[in-house]
């Protein structure tokens, strides 16, 4: 399985943004999906 994120960018405080993650390869319907983030340091 391969996952590709998209939708990131610059937004002002108070604004909104939507991220997408699309899977390819051997896809199963029974995946739990998580979102994580990492800031510098």
ModelCIF file with pLDDT and N, C-alpha, C, O atoms, coordinates in Angstrom:
data_MODEL
#
_entry.id   MODEL 
#
_entity.id                         1 
_entity.type                       polymer 
_entity.pdbx_number_of_molecules   1 
#
_entity_poly.entity_id                      1 
_entity_poly.type                           'polypeptide(L)' 
_entity_poly.nstd_linkage                   no 
_entity_poly.nstd_monomer                   no 
_entity_poly.pdbx_seq_one_letter_code       
;(UNK)(UNK)(UNK)(UNK)(UNK)(UNK)(UNK)(UNK)(UNK)(UNK)(UNK)(UNK)(UNK)(UNK)(UNK)(UNK)
(UNK)(UNK)(UNK)(UNK)(UNK)(UNK)(UNK)(UNK)(UNK)(UNK)(UNK)(UNK)(UNK)(UNK)(UNK)(UNK)
(UNK)(UNK)(UNK)(UNK)(UNK)(UNK)(UNK)(UNK)(UNK)
;
_entity_poly.pdbx_seq_one_letter_code_can   XXXXXXXXXXXXXXXXXXXXXXXXXXXXXXXXXXXXXXXXX 
_entity_poly.pdbx_strand_id                 A 
#
loop_
_entity_poly_seq.entity_id 
_entity_poly_seq.num 
_entity_poly_seq.mon_id 
_entity_poly_seq.hetero 
1 1  UNK n 
1 2  UNK n 
1 3  UNK n 
1 4  UNK n 
1 5  UNK n 
1 6  UNK n 
1 7  UNK n 
1 8  UNK n 
1 9  UNK n 
1 10 UNK n 
1 11 UNK n 
1 12 UNK n 
1 13 UNK n 
1 14 UNK n 
1 15 UNK n 
1 16 UNK n 
1 17 UNK n 
1 18 UNK n 
1 19 UNK n 
1 20 UNK n 
1 21 UNK n 
1 22 UNK n 
1 23 UNK n 
1 24 UNK n 
1 25 UNK n 
1 26 UNK n 
1 27 UNK n 
1 28 UNK n 
1 29 UNK n 
1 30 UNK n 
1 31 UNK n 
1 32 UNK n 
1 33 UNK n 
1 34 UNK n 
1 35 UNK n 
1 36 UNK n 
1 37 UNK n 
1 38 UNK n 
1 39 UNK n 
1 40 UNK n 
1 41 UNK n 
#
_struct_asym.id          A 
_struct_asym.entity_id   1 
#
loop_
_ma_qa_metric.id 
_ma_qa_metric.mode 
_ma_qa_metric.name 
_ma_qa_metric.software_group_id 
_ma_qa_metric.type 
1 global pLDDT . pLDDT 
2 local  pLDDT . pLDDT 
#
_ma_qa_metric_global.metric_id      1 
_ma_qa_metric_global.metric_value   93.10 
_ma_qa_metric_global.model_id       1 
_ma_qa_metric_global.ordinal_id     1 
#
loop_
_ma_qa_metric_local.label_asym_id 
_ma_qa_metric_local.label_comp_id 
_ma_qa_metric_local.label_seq_id 
_ma_qa_metric_local.metric_id 
_ma_qa_metric_local.metric_value 
_ma_qa_metric_local.model_id 
_ma_qa_metric_local.ordinal_id 
A UNK 1  2 90.00 1 1  
A UNK 2  2 93.00 1 2  
A UNK 3  2 95.00 1 3  
A UNK 4  2 96.00 1 4  
A UNK 5  2 96.00 1 5  
A UNK 6  2 96.00 1 6  
A UNK 7  2 97.00 1 7  
A UNK 8  2 97.00 1 8  
A UNK 9  2 98.00 1 9  
A UNK 10 2 98.00 1 10 
A UNK 11 2 98.00 1 11 
A UNK 12 2 98.00 1 12 
A UNK 13 2 98.00 1 13 
A UNK 14 2 98.00 1 14 
A UNK 15 2 98.00 1 15 
A UNK 16 2 98.00 1 16 
A UNK 17 2 98.00 1 17 
A UNK 18 2 98.00 1 18 
A UNK 19 2 98.00 1 19 
A UNK 20 2 98.00 1 20 
A UNK 21 2 96.00 1 21 
A UNK 22 2 95.00 1 22 
A UNK 23 2 91.00 1 23 
A UNK 24 2 91.00 1 24 
A UNK 25 2 87.00 1 25 
A UNK 26 2 80.00 1 26 
A UNK 27 2 73.00 1 27 
A UNK 28 2 70.00 1 28 
A UNK 29 2 72.00 1 29 
A UNK 30 2 84.00 1 30 
A UNK 31 2 87.00 1 31 
A UNK 32 2 91.00 1 32 
A UNK 33 2 93.00 1 33 
A UNK 34 2 96.00 1 34 
A UNK 35 2 98.00 1 35 
A UNK 36 2 98.00 1 36 
A UNK 37 2 98.00 1 37 
A UNK 38 2 98.00 1 38 
A UNK 39 2 97.00 1 39 
A UNK 40 2 92.00 1 40 
A UNK 41 2 94.00 1 41 
#
loop_
_atom_site.group_PDB 
_atom_site.id 
_atom_site.type_symbol 
_atom_site.label_atom_id 
_atom_site.label_alt_id 
_atom_site.label_comp_id 
_atom_site.label_asym_id 
_atom_site.label_entity_id 
_atom_site.label_seq_id 
_atom_site.pdbx_PDB_ins_code 
_atom_site.Cartn_x 
_atom_site.Cartn_y 
_atom_site.Cartn_z 
_atom_site.occupancy 
_atom_site.B_iso_or_equiv 
_atom_site.pdbx_formal_charge 
_atom_site.auth_seq_id 
_atom_site.auth_comp_id 
_atom_site.auth_asym_id 
_atom_site.auth_atom_id 
_atom_site.pdbx_PDB_model_num 
ATOM 1   N N  . UNK A 1 1  ? 0.840   -1.188 0.000  1.00 90.00 ? 1  UNK A N  1 
ATOM 2   C CA . UNK A 1 1  ? 0.000   0.000  0.000  1.00 90.00 ? 1  UNK A CA 1 
ATOM 3   C C  . UNK A 1 1  ? 0.879   1.244  0.000  1.00 90.00 ? 1  UNK A C  1 
ATOM 4   O O  . UNK A 1 1  ? 1.869   1.322  0.727  1.00 90.00 ? 1  UNK A O  1 
ATOM 5   N N  . UNK A 1 2  ? 0.504   2.207  -0.822 1.00 93.00 ? 2  UNK A N  1 
ATOM 6   C CA . UNK A 1 2  ? 1.157   3.507  -0.831 1.00 93.00 ? 2  UNK A CA 1 
ATOM 7   C C  . UNK A 1 2  ? 0.143   4.589  -0.519 1.00 93.00 ? 2  UNK A C  1 
ATOM 8   O O  . UNK A 1 2  ? -0.998  4.533  -0.978 1.00 93.00 ? 2  UNK A O  1 
ATOM 9   N N  . UNK A 1 3  ? 0.559   5.577  0.265  1.00 95.00 ? 3  UNK A N  1 
ATOM 10  C CA . UNK A 1 3  ? -0.297  6.676  0.671  1.00 95.00 ? 3  UNK A CA 1 
ATOM 11  C C  . UNK A 1 3  ? 0.313   7.990  0.211  1.00 95.00 ? 3  UNK A C  1 
ATOM 12  O O  . UNK A 1 3  ? 1.521   8.194  0.328  1.00 95.00 ? 3  UNK A O  1 
ATOM 13  N N  . UNK A 1 4  ? -0.516  8.872  -0.308 1.00 96.00 ? 4  UNK A N  1 
ATOM 14  C CA . UNK A 1 4  ? -0.056  10.168 -0.779 1.00 96.00 ? 4  UNK A CA 1 
ATOM 15  C C  . UNK A 1 4  ? -0.952  11.253 -0.203 1.00 96.00 ? 4  UNK A C  1 
ATOM 16  O O  . UNK A 1 4  ? -2.163  11.253 -0.422 1.00 96.00 ? 4  UNK A O  1 
ATOM 17  N N  . UNK A 1 5  ? -0.342  12.187 0.543  1.00 96.00 ? 5  UNK A N  1 
ATOM 18  C CA . UNK A 1 5  ? -1.078  13.314 1.100  1.00 96.00 ? 5  UNK A CA 1 
ATOM 19  C C  . UNK A 1 5  ? -1.067  14.486 0.130  1.00 96.00 ? 5  UNK A C  1 
ATOM 20  O O  . UNK A 1 5  ? -0.149  14.636 -0.677 1.00 96.00 ? 5  UNK A O  1 
ATOM 21  N N  . UNK A 1 6  ? -2.094  15.309 0.221  1.00 96.00 ? 6  UNK A N  1 
ATOM 22  C CA . UNK A 1 6  ? -2.154  16.534 -0.551 1.00 96.00 ? 6  UNK A CA 1 
ATOM 23  C C  . UNK A 1 6  ? -3.015  17.545 0.194  1.00 96.00 ? 6  UNK A C  1 
ATOM 24  O O  . UNK A 1 6  ? -3.744  17.190 1.119  1.00 96.00 ? 6  UNK A O  1 
ATOM 25  N N  . UNK A 1 7  ? -2.925  18.796 -0.213 1.00 97.00 ? 7  UNK A N  1 
ATOM 26  C CA . UNK A 1 7  ? -3.767  19.834 0.350  1.00 97.00 ? 7  UNK A CA 1 
ATOM 27  C C  . UNK A 1 7  ? -3.082  20.752 1.339  1.00 97.00 ? 7  UNK A C  1 
ATOM 28  O O  . UNK A 1 7  ? -3.699  21.700 1.824  1.00 97.00 ? 7  UNK A O  1 
ATOM 29  N N  . UNK A 1 8  ? -1.822  20.494 1.650  1.00 97.00 ? 8  UNK A N  1 
ATOM 30  C CA . UNK A 1 8  ? -1.112  21.366 2.565  1.00 97.00 ? 8  UNK A CA 1 
ATOM 31  C C  . UNK A 1 8  ? -0.823  22.714 1.942  1.00 97.00 ? 8  UNK A C  1 
ATOM 32  O O  . UNK A 1 8  ? -0.942  22.895 0.730  1.00 97.00 ? 8  UNK A O  1 
ATOM 33  N N  . UNK A 1 9  ? -0.441  23.656 2.785  1.00 98.00 ? 9  UNK A N  1 
ATOM 34  C CA . UNK A 1 9  ? -0.135  24.985 2.307  1.00 98.00 ? 9  UNK A CA 1 
ATOM 35  C C  . UNK A 1 9  ? -0.111  25.986 3.433  1.00 98.00 ? 9  UNK A C  1 
ATOM 36  O O  . UNK A 1 9  ? 0.006   25.628 4.604  1.00 98.00 ? 9  UNK A O  1 
ATOM 37  N N  . UNK A 1 10 ? -0.223  27.247 3.063  1.00 98.00 ? 10 UNK A N  1 
ATOM 38  C CA . UNK A 1 10 ? -0.190  28.356 4.005  1.00 98.00 ? 10 UNK A CA 1 
ATOM 39  C C  . UNK A 1 10 ? -1.594  28.875 4.252  1.00 98.00 ? 10 UNK A C  1 
ATOM 40  O O  . UNK A 1 10 ? -2.361  29.090 3.314  1.00 98.00 ? 10 UNK A O  1 
ATOM 41  N N  . UNK A 1 11 ? -1.925  29.074 5.516  1.00 98.00 ? 11 UNK A N  1 
ATOM 42  C CA . UNK A 1 11 ? -3.235  29.592 5.881  1.00 98.00 ? 11 UNK A CA 1 
ATOM 43  C C  . UNK A 1 11 ? -3.078  30.534 7.070  1.00 98.00 ? 11 UNK A C  1 
ATOM 44  O O  . UNK A 1 11 ? -2.188  30.350 7.900  1.00 98.00 ? 11 UNK A O  1 
ATOM 45  N N  . UNK A 1 12 ? -3.932  31.528 7.147  1.00 98.00 ? 12 UNK A N  1 
ATOM 46  C CA . UNK A 1 12 ? -3.897  32.450 8.278  1.00 98.00 ? 12 UNK A CA 1 
ATOM 47  C C  . UNK A 1 12 ? -4.586  31.852 9.497  1.00 98.00 ? 12 UNK A C  1 
ATOM 48  O O  . UNK A 1 12 ? -5.471  31.006 9.375  1.00 98.00 ? 12 UNK A O  1 
ATOM 49  N N  . UNK A 1 13 ? -4.169  32.302 10.665 1.00 98.00 ? 13 UNK A N  1 
ATOM 50  C CA . UNK A 1 13 ? -4.816  31.872 11.894 1.00 98.00 ? 13 UNK A CA 1 
ATOM 51  C C  . UNK A 1 13 ? -6.315  32.131 11.817 1.00 98.00 ? 13 UNK A C  1 
ATOM 52  O O  . UNK A 1 13 ? -6.755  33.195 11.380 1.00 98.00 ? 13 UNK A O  1 
ATOM 53  N N  . UNK A 1 14 ? -7.085  31.150 12.247 1.00 98.00 ? 14 UNK A N  1 
ATOM 54  C CA . UNK A 1 14 ? -8.528  31.228 12.164 1.00 98.00 ? 14 UNK A CA 1 
ATOM 55  C C  . UNK A 1 14 ? -9.100  30.648 10.892 1.00 98.00 ? 14 UNK A C  1 
ATOM 56  O O  . UNK A 1 14 ? -10.313 30.473 10.776 1.00 98.00 ? 14 UNK A O  1 
ATOM 57  N N  . UNK A 1 15 ? -8.247  30.351 9.945  1.00 98.00 ? 15 UNK A N  1 
ATOM 58  C CA . UNK A 1 15 ? -8.685  29.817 8.672  1.00 98.00 ? 15 UNK A CA 1 
ATOM 59  C C  . UNK A 1 15 ? -8.834  28.313 8.689  1.00 98.00 ? 15 UNK A C  1 
ATOM 60  O O  . UNK A 1 15 ? -8.708  27.667 9.729  1.00 98.00 ? 15 UNK A O  1 
ATOM 61  N N  . UNK A 1 16 ? -9.106  27.767 7.510  1.00 98.00 ? 16 UNK A N  1 
ATOM 62  C CA . UNK A 1 16 ? -9.366  26.341 7.361  1.00 98.00 ? 16 UNK A CA 1 
ATOM 63  C C  . UNK A 1 16 ? -8.545  25.753 6.233  1.00 98.00 ? 16 UNK A C  1 
ATOM 64  O O  . UNK A 1 16 ? -8.130  26.449 5.307  1.00 98.00 ? 16 UNK A O  1 
ATOM 65  N N  . UNK A 1 17 ? -8.322  24.465 6.333  1.00 98.00 ? 17 UNK A N  1 
ATOM 66  C CA . UNK A 1 17 ? -7.585  23.734 5.319  1.00 98.00 ? 17 UNK A CA 1 
ATOM 67  C C  . UNK A 1 17 ? -8.057  22.291 5.346  1.00 98.00 ? 17 UNK A C  1 
ATOM 68  O O  . UNK A 1 17 ? -8.352  21.755 6.414  1.00 98.00 ? 17 UNK A O  1 
ATOM 69  N N  . UNK A 1 18 ? -8.131  21.662 4.190  1.00 98.00 ? 18 UNK A N  1 
ATOM 70  C CA . UNK A 1 18 ? -8.498  20.260 4.128  1.00 98.00 ? 18 UNK A CA 1 
ATOM 71  C C  . UNK A 1 18 ? -7.382  19.456 3.483  1.00 98.00 ? 18 UNK A C  1 
ATOM 72  O O  . UNK A 1 18 ? -6.944  19.759 2.373  1.00 98.00 ? 18 UNK A O  1 
ATOM 73  N N  . UNK A 1 19 ? -6.931  18.438 4.182  1.00 98.00 ? 19 UNK A N  1 
ATOM 74  C CA . UNK A 1 19 ? -5.930  17.532 3.673  1.00 98.00 ? 19 UNK A CA 1 
ATOM 75  C C  . UNK A 1 19 ? -6.586  16.259 3.150  1.00 98.00 ? 19 UNK A C  1 
ATOM 76  O O  . UNK A 1 19 ? -7.602  15.808 3.679  1.00 98.00 ? 19 UNK A O  1 
ATOM 77  N N  . UNK A 1 20 ? -5.999  15.696 2.120  1.00 98.00 ? 20 UNK A N  1 
ATOM 78  C CA . UNK A 1 20 ? -6.463  14.436 1.568  1.00 98.00 ? 20 UNK A CA 1 
ATOM 79  C C  . UNK A 1 20 ? -5.332  13.423 1.588  1.00 98.00 ? 20 UNK A C  1 
ATOM 80  O O  . UNK A 1 20 ? -4.160  13.776 1.459  1.00 98.00 ? 20 UNK A O  1 
ATOM 81  N N  . UNK A 1 21 ? -5.696  12.176 1.750  1.00 96.00 ? 21 UNK A N  1 
ATOM 82  C CA . UNK A 1 21 ? -4.739  11.083 1.690  1.00 96.00 ? 21 UNK A CA 1 
ATOM 83  C C  . UNK A 1 21 ? -5.347  9.988  0.837  1.00 96.00 ? 21 UNK A C  1 
ATOM 84  O O  . UNK A 1 21 ? -6.377  9.416  1.192  1.00 96.00 ? 21 UNK A O  1 
ATOM 85  N N  . UNK A 1 22 ? -4.715  9.696  -0.280 1.00 95.00 ? 22 UNK A N  1 
ATOM 86  C CA . UNK A 1 22 ? -5.223  8.700  -1.209 1.00 95.00 ? 22 UNK A CA 1 
ATOM 87  C C  . UNK A 1 22 ? -4.308  7.486  -1.227 1.00 95.00 ? 22 UNK A C  1 
ATOM 88  O O  . UNK A 1 22 ? -3.087  7.611  -1.313 1.00 95.00 ? 22 UNK A O  1 
ATOM 89  N N  . UNK A 1 23 ? -4.911  6.321  -1.144 1.00 91.00 ? 23 UNK A N  1 
ATOM 90  C CA . UNK A 1 23 ? -4.170  5.068  -1.112 1.00 91.00 ? 23 UNK A CA 1 
ATOM 91  C C  . UNK A 1 23 ? -4.177  4.389  -2.473 1.00 91.00 ? 23 UNK A C  1 
ATOM 92  O O  . UNK A 1 23 ? -5.143  4.486  -3.229 1.00 91.00 ? 23 UNK A O  1 
ATOM 93  N N  . UNK A 1 24 ? -3.093  3.708  -2.766 1.00 91.00 ? 24 UNK A N  1 
ATOM 94  C CA . UNK A 1 24 ? -2.999  2.902  -3.970 1.00 91.00 ? 24 UNK A CA 1 
ATOM 95  C C  . UNK A 1 24 ? -2.262  1.613  -3.638 1.00 91.00 ? 24 UNK A C  1 
ATOM 96  O O  . UNK A 1 24 ? -1.665  1.482  -2.570 1.00 91.00 ? 24 UNK A O  1 
ATOM 97  N N  . UNK A 1 25 ? -2.312  0.667  -4.563 1.00 87.00 ? 25 UNK A N  1 
ATOM 98  C CA . UNK A 1 25 ? -1.698  -0.626 -4.328 1.00 87.00 ? 25 UNK A CA 1 
ATOM 99  C C  . UNK A 1 25 ? -2.737  -1.635 -3.875 1.00 87.00 ? 25 UNK A C  1 
ATOM 100 O O  . UNK A 1 25 ? -3.872  -1.625 -4.351 1.00 87.00 ? 25 UNK A O  1 
ATOM 101 N N  . UNK A 1 26 ? -2.350  -2.501 -2.960 1.00 80.00 ? 26 UNK A N  1 
ATOM 102 C CA . UNK A 1 26 ? -3.269  -3.498 -2.431 1.00 80.00 ? 26 UNK A CA 1 
ATOM 103 C C  . UNK A 1 26 ? -4.124  -2.853 -1.353 1.00 80.00 ? 26 UNK A C  1 
ATOM 104 O O  . UNK A 1 26 ? -3.712  -2.716 -0.201 1.00 80.00 ? 26 UNK A O  1 
ATOM 105 N N  . UNK A 1 27 ? -5.315  -2.463 -1.758 1.00 73.00 ? 27 UNK A N  1 
ATOM 106 C CA . UNK A 1 27 ? -6.212  -1.725 -0.883 1.00 73.00 ? 27 UNK A CA 1 
ATOM 107 C C  . UNK A 1 27 ? -7.171  -2.667 -0.171 1.00 73.00 ? 27 UNK A C  1 
ATOM 108 O O  . UNK A 1 27 ? -7.768  -3.552 -0.784 1.00 73.00 ? 27 UNK A O  1 
ATOM 109 N N  . UNK A 1 28 ? -7.307  -2.461 1.126  1.00 70.00 ? 28 UNK A N  1 
ATOM 110 C CA . UNK A 1 28 ? -8.271  -3.187 1.931  1.00 70.00 ? 28 UNK A CA 1 
ATOM 111 C C  . UNK A 1 28 ? -9.229  -2.198 2.565  1.00 70.00 ? 28 UNK A C  1 
ATOM 112 O O  . UNK A 1 28 ? -8.833  -1.097 2.946  1.00 70.00 ? 28 UNK A O  1 
ATOM 113 N N  . UNK A 1 29 ? -10.472 -2.587 2.675  1.00 72.00 ? 29 UNK A N  1 
ATOM 114 C CA . UNK A 1 29 ? -11.483 -1.710 3.246  1.00 72.00 ? 29 UNK A CA 1 
ATOM 115 C C  . UNK A 1 29 ? -11.421 -1.649 4.762  1.00 72.00 ? 29 UNK A C  1 
ATOM 116 O O  . UNK A 1 29 ? -12.066 -0.794 5.369  1.00 72.00 ? 29 UNK A O  1 
ATOM 117 N N  . UNK A 1 30 ? -10.660 -2.535 5.381  1.00 84.00 ? 30 UNK A N  1 
ATOM 118 C CA . UNK A 1 30 ? -10.631 -2.605 6.837  1.00 84.00 ? 30 UNK A CA 1 
ATOM 119 C C  . UNK A 1 30 ? -9.397  -1.951 7.455  1.00 84.00 ? 30 UNK A C  1 
ATOM 120 O O  . UNK A 1 30 ? -8.942  -2.375 8.518  1.00 84.00 ? 30 UNK A O  1 
ATOM 121 N N  . UNK A 1 31 ? -8.856  -0.931 6.806  1.00 87.00 ? 31 UNK A N  1 
ATOM 122 C CA . UNK A 1 31 ? -7.775  -0.151 7.388  1.00 87.00 ? 31 UNK A CA 1 
ATOM 123 C C  . UNK A 1 31 ? -8.327  0.906  8.321  1.00 87.00 ? 31 UNK A C  1 
ATOM 124 O O  . UNK A 1 31 ? -9.247  1.641  7.962  1.00 87.00 ? 31 UNK A O  1 
ATOM 125 N N  . UNK A 1 32 ? -7.770  0.984  9.518  1.00 91.00 ? 32 UNK A N  1 
ATOM 126 C CA . UNK A 1 32 ? -7.926  2.179  10.324 1.00 91.00 ? 32 UNK A CA 1 
ATOM 127 C C  . UNK A 1 32 ? -6.908  3.200  9.838  1.00 91.00 ? 32 UNK A C  1 
ATOM 128 O O  . UNK A 1 32 ? -5.755  2.861  9.571  1.00 91.00 ? 32 UNK A O  1 
ATOM 129 N N  . UNK A 1 33 ? -7.337  4.444  9.726  1.00 93.00 ? 33 UNK A N  1 
ATOM 130 C CA . UNK A 1 33 ? -6.475  5.489  9.193  1.00 93.00 ? 33 UNK A CA 1 
ATOM 131 C C  . UNK A 1 33 ? -6.181  6.522  10.272 1.00 93.00 ? 33 UNK A C  1 
ATOM 132 O O  . UNK A 1 33 ? -7.083  6.965  10.984 1.00 93.00 ? 33 UNK A O  1 
ATOM 133 N N  . UNK A 1 34 ? -4.928  6.894  10.385 1.00 96.00 ? 34 UNK A N  1 
ATOM 134 C CA . UNK A 1 34 ? -4.522  7.881  11.365 1.00 96.00 ? 34 UNK A CA 1 
ATOM 135 C C  . UNK A 1 34 ? -3.870  9.081  10.720 1.00 96.00 ? 34 UNK A C  1 
ATOM 136 O O  . UNK A 1 34 ? -3.291  8.985  9.638  1.00 96.00 ? 34 UNK A O  1 
ATOM 137 N N  . UNK A 1 35 ? -3.967  10.214 11.394 1.00 98.00 ? 35 UNK A N  1 
ATOM 138 C CA . UNK A 1 35 ? -3.250  11.426 11.018 1.00 98.00 ? 35 UNK A CA 1 
ATOM 139 C C  . UNK A 1 35 ? -2.298  11.790 12.144 1.00 98.00 ? 35 UNK A C  1 
ATOM 140 O O  . UNK A 1 35 ? -2.664  11.778 13.320 1.00 98.00 ? 35 UNK A O  1 
ATOM 141 N N  . UNK A 1 36 ? -1.071  12.114 11.761 1.00 98.00 ? 36 UNK A N  1 
ATOM 142 C CA . UNK A 1 36 ? -0.036  12.533 12.699 1.00 98.00 ? 36 UNK A CA 1 
ATOM 143 C C  . UNK A 1 36 ? 0.603   13.807 12.179 1.00 98.00 ? 36 UNK A C  1 
ATOM 144 O O  . UNK A 1 36 ? 0.469   14.142 11.002 1.00 98.00 ? 36 UNK A O  1 
ATOM 145 N N  . UNK A 1 37 ? 1.292   14.509 13.049 1.00 98.00 ? 37 UNK A N  1 
ATOM 146 C CA . UNK A 1 37 ? 2.006   15.703 12.623 1.00 98.00 ? 37 UNK A CA 1 
ATOM 147 C C  . UNK A 1 37 ? 3.311   15.829 13.393 1.00 98.00 ? 37 UNK A C  1 
ATOM 148 O O  . UNK A 1 37 ? 3.454   15.313 14.502 1.00 98.00 ? 37 UNK A O  1 
ATOM 149 N N  . UNK A 1 38 ? 4.252   16.522 12.781 1.00 98.00 ? 38 UNK A N  1 
ATOM 150 C CA . UNK A 1 38 ? 5.548   16.729 13.407 1.00 98.00 ? 38 UNK A CA 1 
ATOM 151 C C  . UNK A 1 38 ? 6.041   18.134 13.091 1.00 98.00 ? 38 UNK A C  1 
ATOM 152 O O  . UNK A 1 38 ? 6.240   18.491 11.930 1.00 98.00 ? 38 UNK A O  1 
ATOM 153 N N  . UNK A 1 39 ? 6.232   18.920 14.136 1.00 97.00 ? 39 UNK A N  1 
ATOM 154 C CA . UNK A 1 39 ? 6.762   20.263 14.011 1.00 97.00 ? 39 UNK A CA 1 
ATOM 155 C C  . UNK A 1 39 ? 8.277   20.225 14.179 1.00 97.00 ? 39 UNK A C  1 
ATOM 156 O O  . UNK A 1 39 ? 8.805   19.285 14.774 1.00 97.00 ? 39 UNK A O  1 
ATOM 157 N N  . UNK A 1 40 ? 8.984   21.227 13.666 1.00 92.00 ? 40 UNK A N  1 
ATOM 158 C CA . UNK A 1 40 ? 10.442  21.247 13.800 1.00 92.00 ? 40 UNK A CA 1 
ATOM 159 C C  . UNK A 1 40 ? 10.885  21.142 15.253 1.00 92.00 ? 40 UNK A C  1 
ATOM 160 O O  . UNK A 1 40 ? 10.401  21.876 16.115 1.00 92.00 ? 40 UNK A O  1 
ATOM 161 N N  . UNK A 1 41 ? 11.805  20.225 15.514 1.00 94.00 ? 41 UNK A N  1 
ATOM 162 C CA . UNK A 1 41 ? 12.336  20.050 16.848 1.00 94.00 ? 41 UNK A CA 1 
ATOM 163 C C  . UNK A 1 41 ? 11.429  19.334 17.824 1.00 94.00 ? 41 UNK A C  1 
ATOM 164 O O  . UNK A 1 41 ? 11.798  19.140 18.982 1.00 94.00 ? 41 UNK A O  1 
#
